[in-house]
Amino acid sequence: MPVTVHLETANRALSLSRTTGYDLAKRGRYPCTVLRLGNAYRVVTADLLKLLTSTHPRAPVLKSPGS
């Protein structure tokens, strides 16, 4: 896995729309660490994976394909 992923990739993993994801990133409210590199936003993969595998009640619920 890469150290960071594009914000679009993280948005899909978290079931966030493009608009919501960018808005959260701009306001510093994205649910994991976001790095701003020029005009690009990158999300730290380790933080994203931690959030996706969390058992915290506010963590996103992932559905398997076909369910």
PDB file of N, CA and C in Angstrom:
ATOM      1  N   MET A   1       0.849  -1.179   0.000  1.00  0.00           N
ATOM      2  CA  MET A   1       0.000   0.000   0.000  1.00  0.00           C
ATOM      3  C   MET A   1       0.894   1.242   0.000  1.00  0.00           C
ATOM      4  N   PRO A   2       0.453   2.272  -0.711  1.00  0.00           N
ATOM      5  CA  PRO A   2       1.209   3.525  -0.684  1.00  0.00           C
ATOM      6  C   PRO A   2       1.056   4.225   0.665  1.00  0.00           C
ATOM      7  N   VAL A   3       1.944   5.117   0.960  1.00  0.00           N
ATOM      8  CA  VAL A   3       1.910   5.858   2.224  1.00  0.00           C
ATOM      9  C   VAL A   3       0.706   6.796   2.269  1.00  0.00           C
ATOM     10  N   THR A   4       0.353   7.357   1.117  1.00  0.00           N
ATOM     11  CA  THR A   4      -0.827   8.216   1.032  1.00  0.00           C
ATOM     12  C   THR A   4      -1.662   7.803  -0.174  1.00  0.00           C
ATOM     13  N   VAL A   5      -2.936   8.189  -0.144  1.00  0.00           N
ATOM     14  CA  VAL A   5      -3.827   7.960  -1.286  1.00  0.00           C
ATOM     15  C   VAL A   5      -4.496   9.275  -1.638  1.00  0.00           C
ATOM     16  N   HIS A   6      -5.002   9.356  -2.858  1.00  0.00           N
ATOM     17  CA  HIS A   6      -5.735  10.547  -3.285  1.00  0.00           C
ATOM     18  C   HIS A   6      -6.989  10.711  -2.432  1.00  0.00           C
ATOM     19  N   LEU A   7      -7.395  11.934  -2.253  1.00  0.00           N
ATOM     20  CA  LEU A   7      -8.604  12.220  -1.482  1.00  0.00           C
ATOM     21  C   LEU A   7      -9.812  11.510  -2.096  1.00  0.00           C
ATOM     22  N   GLU A   8      -9.866  11.431  -3.413  1.00  0.00           N
ATOM     23  CA  GLU A   8     -10.978  10.748  -4.084  1.00  0.00           C
ATOM     24  C   GLU A   8     -11.057   9.278  -3.657  1.00  0.00           C
ATOM     25  N   THR A   9      -9.919   8.634  -3.530  1.00  0.00           N
ATOM     26  CA  THR A   9      -9.877   7.231  -3.111  1.00  0.00           C
ATOM     27  C   THR A   9     -10.400   7.083  -1.694  1.00  0.00           C
ATOM     28  N   ALA A  10      -9.948   7.957  -0.806  1.00  0.00           N
ATOM     29  CA  ALA A  10     -10.410   7.925   0.584  1.00  0.00           C
ATOM     30  C   ALA A  10     -11.901   8.229   0.666  1.00  0.00           C
ATOM     31  N   ASN A  11     -12.368   9.178  -0.142  1.00  0.00           N
ATOM     32  CA  ASN A  11     -13.794   9.501  -0.159  1.00  0.00           C
ATOM     33  C   ASN A  11     -14.621   8.267  -0.509  1.00  0.00           C
ATOM     34  N   ARG A  12     -14.204   7.532  -1.531  1.00  0.00           N
ATOM     35  CA  ARG A  12     -14.933   6.316  -1.914  1.00  0.00           C
ATOM     36  C   ARG A  12     -14.920   5.294  -0.791  1.00  0.00           C
ATOM     37  N   ALA A  13     -13.767   5.118  -0.140  1.00  0.00           N
ATOM     38  CA  ALA A  13     -13.655   4.146   0.950  1.00  0.00           C
ATOM     39  C   ALA A  13     -14.566   4.519   2.118  1.00  0.00           C
ATOM     40  N   LEU A  14     -14.766   5.812   2.332  1.00  0.00           N
ATOM     41  CA  LEU A  14     -15.589   6.288   3.449  1.00  0.00           C
ATOM     42  C   LEU A  14     -17.025   6.614   3.040  1.00  0.00           C
ATOM     43  N   SER A  15     -17.361   6.333   1.798  1.00  0.00           N
ATOM     44  CA  SER A  15     -18.710   6.619   1.274  1.00  0.00           C
ATOM     45  C   SER A  15     -19.062   8.105   1.385  1.00  0.00           C
ATOM     46  N   LEU A  16     -18.094   8.953   1.078  1.00  0.00           N
ATOM     47  CA  LEU A  16     -18.309  10.395   1.074  1.00  0.00           C
ATOM     48  C   LEU A  16     -18.400  10.873  -0.366  1.00  0.00           C
ATOM     49  N   SER A  17     -19.262  11.822  -0.614  1.00  0.00           N
ATOM     50  CA  SER A  17     -19.317  12.408  -1.953  1.00  0.00           C
ATOM     51  C   SER A  17     -18.065  13.258  -2.159  1.00  0.00           C
ATOM     52  N   ARG A  18     -17.783  13.549  -3.417  1.00  0.00           N
ATOM     53  CA  ARG A  18     -16.621  14.384  -3.741  1.00  0.00           C
ATOM     54  C   ARG A  18     -16.733  15.738  -3.048  1.00  0.00           C
ATOM     55  N   THR A  19     -17.908  16.356  -3.134  1.00  0.00           N
ATOM     56  CA  THR A  19     -18.124  17.676  -2.540  1.00  0.00           C
ATOM     57  C   THR A  19     -17.921  17.651  -1.030  1.00  0.00           C
ATOM     58  N   THR A  20     -18.518  16.673  -0.368  1.00  0.00           N
ATOM     59  CA  THR A  20     -18.397  16.568   1.088  1.00  0.00           C
ATOM     60  C   THR A  20     -16.950  16.325   1.488  1.00  0.00           C
ATOM     61  N   GLY A  21     -16.273  15.402   0.802  1.00  0.00           N
ATOM     62  CA  GLY A  21     -14.881  15.097   1.125  1.00  0.00           C
ATOM     63  C   GLY A  21     -13.976  16.308   1.016  1.00  0.00           C
ATOM     64  N   TYR A  22     -14.101  17.044  -0.092  1.00  0.00           N
ATOM     65  CA  TYR A  22     -13.269  18.234  -0.267  1.00  0.00           C
ATOM     66  C   TYR A  22     -13.628  19.323   0.733  1.00  0.00           C
ATOM     67  N   ASP A  23     -14.894  19.467   1.028  1.00  0.00           N
ATOM     68  CA  ASP A  23     -15.316  20.462   2.017  1.00  0.00           C
ATOM     69  C   ASP A  23     -14.727  20.132   3.389  1.00  0.00           C
ATOM     70  N   LEU A  24     -14.809  18.874   3.800  1.00  0.00           N
ATOM     71  CA  LEU A  24     -14.241  18.468   5.087  1.00  0.00           C
ATOM     72  C   LEU A  24     -12.729  18.690   5.113  1.00  0.00           C
ATOM     73  N   ALA A  25     -12.061  18.338   4.022  1.00  0.00           N
ATOM     74  CA  ALA A  25     -10.603  18.515   3.956  1.00  0.00           C
ATOM     75  C   ALA A  25     -10.226  19.990   4.051  1.00  0.00           C
ATOM     76  N   LYS A  26     -10.936  20.845   3.320  1.00  0.00           N
ATOM     77  CA  LYS A  26     -10.647  22.286   3.346  1.00  0.00           C
ATOM     78  C   LYS A  26     -10.843  22.882   4.726  1.00  0.00           C
ATOM     79  N   ARG A  27     -11.847  22.395   5.450  1.00  0.00           N
ATOM     80  CA  ARG A  27     -12.149  22.930   6.782  1.00  0.00           C
ATOM     81  C   ARG A  27     -11.344  22.258   7.888  1.00  0.00           C
ATOM     82  N   GLY A  28     -10.502  21.284   7.527  1.00  0.00           N
ATOM     83  CA  GLY A  28      -9.709  20.578   8.539  1.00  0.00           C
ATOM     84  C   GLY A  28     -10.542  19.616   9.369  1.00  0.00           C
ATOM     85  N   ARG A  29     -11.680  19.146   8.813  1.00  0.00           N
ATOM     86  CA  ARG A  29     -12.596  18.278   9.559  1.00  0.00           C
ATOM     87  C   ARG A  29     -12.667  16.854   8.993  1.00  0.00           C
ATOM     88  N   TYR A  30     -11.760  16.505   8.072  1.00  0.00           N
ATOM     89  CA  TYR A  30     -11.762  15.159   7.494  1.00  0.00           C
ATOM     90  C   TYR A  30     -11.481  14.157   8.610  1.00  0.00           C
ATOM     91  N   PRO A  31     -12.087  12.970   8.592  1.00  0.00           N
ATOM     92  CA  PRO A  31     -11.955  12.040   9.715  1.00  0.00           C
ATOM     93  C   PRO A  31     -10.583  11.381   9.873  1.00  0.00           C
ATOM     94  N   CYS A  32      -9.646  11.661   8.976  1.00  0.00           N
ATOM     95  CA  CYS A  32      -8.274  11.173   9.152  1.00  0.00           C
ATOM     96  C   CYS A  32      -7.316  12.229   8.597  1.00  0.00           C
ATOM     97  N   THR A  33      -6.037  12.000   8.771  1.00  0.00           N
ATOM     98  CA  THR A  33      -5.032  12.999   8.416  1.00  0.00           C
ATOM     99  C   THR A  33      -4.998  13.253   6.912  1.00  0.00           C
ATOM    100  N   VAL A  34      -5.106  14.540   6.543  1.00  0.00           N
ATOM    101  CA  VAL A  34      -5.042  14.962   5.147  1.00  0.00           C
ATOM    102  C   VAL A  34      -3.845  15.893   4.990  1.00  0.00           C
ATOM    103  N   LEU A  35      -3.054  15.649   3.954  1.00  0.00           N
ATOM    104  CA  LEU A  35      -1.910  16.503   3.639  1.00  0.00           C
ATOM    105  C   LEU A  35      -2.260  17.324   2.411  1.00  0.00           C
ATOM    106  N   ARG A  36      -1.970  18.605   2.448  1.00  0.00           N
ATOM    107  CA  ARG A  36      -2.200  19.457   1.282  1.00  0.00           C
ATOM    108  C   ARG A  36      -0.861  19.669   0.607  1.00  0.00           C
ATOM    109  N   LEU A  37      -0.757  19.218  -0.622  1.00  0.00           N
ATOM    110  CA  LEU A  37       0.473  19.343  -1.402  1.00  0.00           C
ATOM    111  C   LEU A  37       0.160  20.179  -2.641  1.00  0.00           C
ATOM    112  N   GLY A  38       0.420  21.483  -2.551  1.00  0.00           N
ATOM    113  CA  GLY A  38       0.031  22.374  -3.635  1.00  0.00           C
ATOM    114  C   GLY A  38      -1.480  22.434  -3.694  1.00  0.00           C
ATOM    115  N   ASN A  39      -2.037  22.054  -4.832  1.00  0.00           N
ATOM    116  CA  ASN A  39      -3.492  22.028  -4.985  1.00  0.00           C
ATOM    117  C   ASN A  39      -4.082  20.658  -4.694  1.00  0.00           C
ATOM    118  N   ALA A  40      -3.245  19.680  -4.400  1.00  0.00           N
ATOM    119  CA  ALA A  40      -3.714  18.306  -4.210  1.00  0.00           C
ATOM    120  C   ALA A  40      -3.852  17.973  -2.724  1.00  0.00           C
ATOM    121  N   TYR A  41      -4.838  17.151  -2.434  1.00  0.00           N
ATOM    122  CA  TYR A  41      -5.029  16.621  -1.087  1.00  0.00           C
ATOM    123  C   TYR A  41      -4.669  15.141  -1.111  1.00  0.00           C
ATOM    124  N   ARG A  42      -3.892  14.699  -0.114  1.00  0.00           N
ATOM    125  CA  ARG A  42      -3.535  13.291   0.027  1.00  0.00           C
ATOM    126  C   ARG A  42      -3.916  12.863   1.444  1.00  0.00           C
ATOM    127  N   VAL A  43      -4.397  11.632   1.569  1.00  0.00           N
ATOM    128  CA  VAL A  43      -4.822  11.095   2.862  1.00  0.00           C
ATOM    129  C   VAL A  43      -3.813  10.041   3.294  1.00  0.00           C
ATOM    130  N   VAL A  44      -3.400  10.094   4.550  1.00  0.00           N
ATOM    131  CA  VAL A  44      -2.443   9.130   5.091  1.00  0.00           C
ATOM    132  C   VAL A  44      -3.124   7.758   5.173  1.00  0.00           C
ATOM    133  N   THR A  45      -2.562   6.802   4.457  1.00  0.00           N
ATOM    134  CA  THR A  45      -3.161   5.466   4.343  1.00  0.00           C
ATOM    135  C   THR A  45      -3.320   4.790   5.698  1.00  0.00           C
ATOM    136  N   ALA A  46      -2.318   4.898   6.563  1.00  0.00           N
ATOM    137  CA  ALA A  46      -2.392   4.245   7.877  1.00  0.00           C
ATOM    138  C   ALA A  46      -3.581   4.768   8.678  1.00  0.00           C
ATOM    139  N   ASP A  47      -3.829   6.069   8.631  1.00  0.00           N
ATOM    140  CA  ASP A  47      -4.976   6.649   9.341  1.00  0.00           C
ATOM    141  C   ASP A  47      -6.296   6.183   8.734  1.00  0.00           C
ATOM    142  N   LEU A  48      -6.338   6.115   7.404  1.00  0.00           N
ATOM    143  CA  LEU A  48      -7.553   5.660   6.729  1.00  0.00           C
ATOM    144  C   LEU A  48      -7.849   4.202   7.094  1.00  0.00           C
ATOM    145  N   LEU A  49      -6.838   3.357   7.059  1.00  0.00           N
ATOM    146  CA  LEU A  49      -7.036   1.946   7.409  1.00  0.00           C
ATOM    147  C   LEU A  49      -7.463   1.786   8.865  1.00  0.00           C
ATOM    148  N   LYS A  50      -6.881   2.584   9.746  1.00  0.00           N
ATOM    149  CA  LYS A  50      -7.256   2.531  11.155  1.00  0.00           C
ATOM    150  C   LYS A  50      -8.727   2.892  11.334  1.00  0.00           C
ATOM    151  N   LEU A  51      -9.166   3.926  10.625  1.00  0.00           N
ATOM    152  CA  LEU A  51     -10.563   4.341  10.707  1.00  0.00           C
ATOM    153  C   LEU A  51     -11.489   3.266  10.133  1.00  0.00           C
ATOM    154  N   LEU A  52     -11.116   2.679   9.017  1.00  0.00           N
ATOM    155  CA  LEU A  52     -11.953   1.672   8.368  1.00  0.00           C
ATOM    156  C   LEU A  52     -12.066   0.378   9.164  1.00  0.00           C
ATOM    157  N   THR A  53     -11.070   0.074   9.972  1.00  0.00           N
ATOM    158  CA  THR A  53     -11.094  -1.162  10.761  1.00  0.00           C
ATOM    159  C   THR A  53     -11.487  -0.916  12.212  1.00  0.00           C
ATOM    160  N   SER A  54     -11.824   0.318  12.536  1.00  0.00           N
ATOM    161  CA  SER A  54     -12.202   0.686  13.897  1.00  0.00           C
ATOM    162  C   SER A  54     -13.541   0.069  14.287  1.00  0.00           C
ATOM    163  N   THR A  55     -13.702  -0.191  15.566  1.00  0.00           N
ATOM    164  CA  THR A  55     -14.990  -0.650  16.082  1.00  0.00           C
ATOM    165  C   THR A  55     -15.721   0.503  16.780  1.00  0.00           C
ATOM    166  N   HIS A  56     -15.188   1.715  16.621  1.00  0.00           N
ATOM    167  CA  HIS A  56     -15.806   2.894  17.203  1.00  0.00           C
ATOM    168  C   HIS A  56     -17.197   3.072  16.588  1.00  0.00           C
ATOM    169  N   PRO A  57     -18.189   3.453  17.380  1.00  0.00           N
ATOM    170  CA  PRO A  57     -19.556   3.577  16.862  1.00  0.00           C
ATOM    171  C   PRO A  57     -19.719   4.569  15.713  1.00  0.00           C
ATOM    172  N   ARG A  58     -18.822   5.537  15.573  1.00  0.00           N
ATOM    173  CA  ARG A  58     -18.931   6.526  14.499  1.00  0.00           C
ATOM    174  C   ARG A  58     -18.146   6.119  13.258  1.00  0.00           C
ATOM    175  N   ALA A  59     -17.485   4.960  13.312  1.00  0.00           N
ATOM    176  CA  ALA A  59     -16.737   4.480  12.155  1.00  0.00           C
ATOM    177  C   ALA A  59     -17.711   4.070  11.060  1.00  0.00           C
ATOM    178  N   PRO A  60     -17.324   4.247   9.794  1.00  0.00           N
ATOM    179  CA  PRO A  60     -18.227   3.871   8.719  1.00  0.00           C
ATOM    180  C   PRO A  60     -18.477   2.371   8.690  1.00  0.00           C
ATOM    181  N   VAL A  61     -19.666   1.993   8.296  1.00  0.00           N
ATOM    182  CA  VAL A  61     -20.014   0.582   8.173  1.00  0.00           C
ATOM    183  C   VAL A  61     -19.765   0.171   6.740  1.00  0.00           C
ATOM    184  N   LEU A  62     -18.896  -0.817   6.549  1.00  0.00           N
ATOM    185  CA  LEU A  62     -18.588  -1.294   5.214  1.00  0.00           C
ATOM    186  C   LEU A  62     -19.468  -2.467   4.875  1.00  0.00           C
ATOM    187  N   LYS A  63     -20.013  -2.440   3.684  1.00  0.00           N
ATOM    188  CA  LYS A  63     -20.864  -3.528   3.233  1.00  0.00           C
ATOM    189  C   LYS A  63     -20.115  -4.328   2.183  1.00  0.00           C
ATOM    190  N   SER A  64     -20.269  -5.632   2.226  1.00  0.00           N
ATOM    191  CA  SER A  64     -19.642  -6.459   1.206  1.00  0.00           C
ATOM    192  C   SER A  64     -20.446  -6.352  -0.081  1.00  0.00           C
ATOM    193  N   PRO A  65     -19.793  -6.580  -1.234  1.00  0.00           N
ATOM    194  CA  PRO A  65     -20.515  -6.492  -2.496  1.00  0.00           C
ATOM    195  C   PRO A  65     -21.696  -7.459  -2.511  1.00  0.00           C
ATOM    196  N   GLY A  66     -22.814  -6.991  -3.027  1.00  0.00           N
ATOM    197  CA  GLY A  66     -23.989  -7.826  -3.144  1.00  0.00           C
ATOM    198  C   GLY A  66     -24.887  -7.823  -1.930  1.00  0.00           C
ATOM    199  N   SER A  67     -24.519  -7.061  -0.896  1.00  0.00           N
ATOM    200  CA  SER A  67     -25.384  -7.027   0.306  1.00  0.00           C
ATOM    201  C   SER A  67     -26.164  -5.750   0.387  1.00  0.00           C
TER     202      SER A  67
END
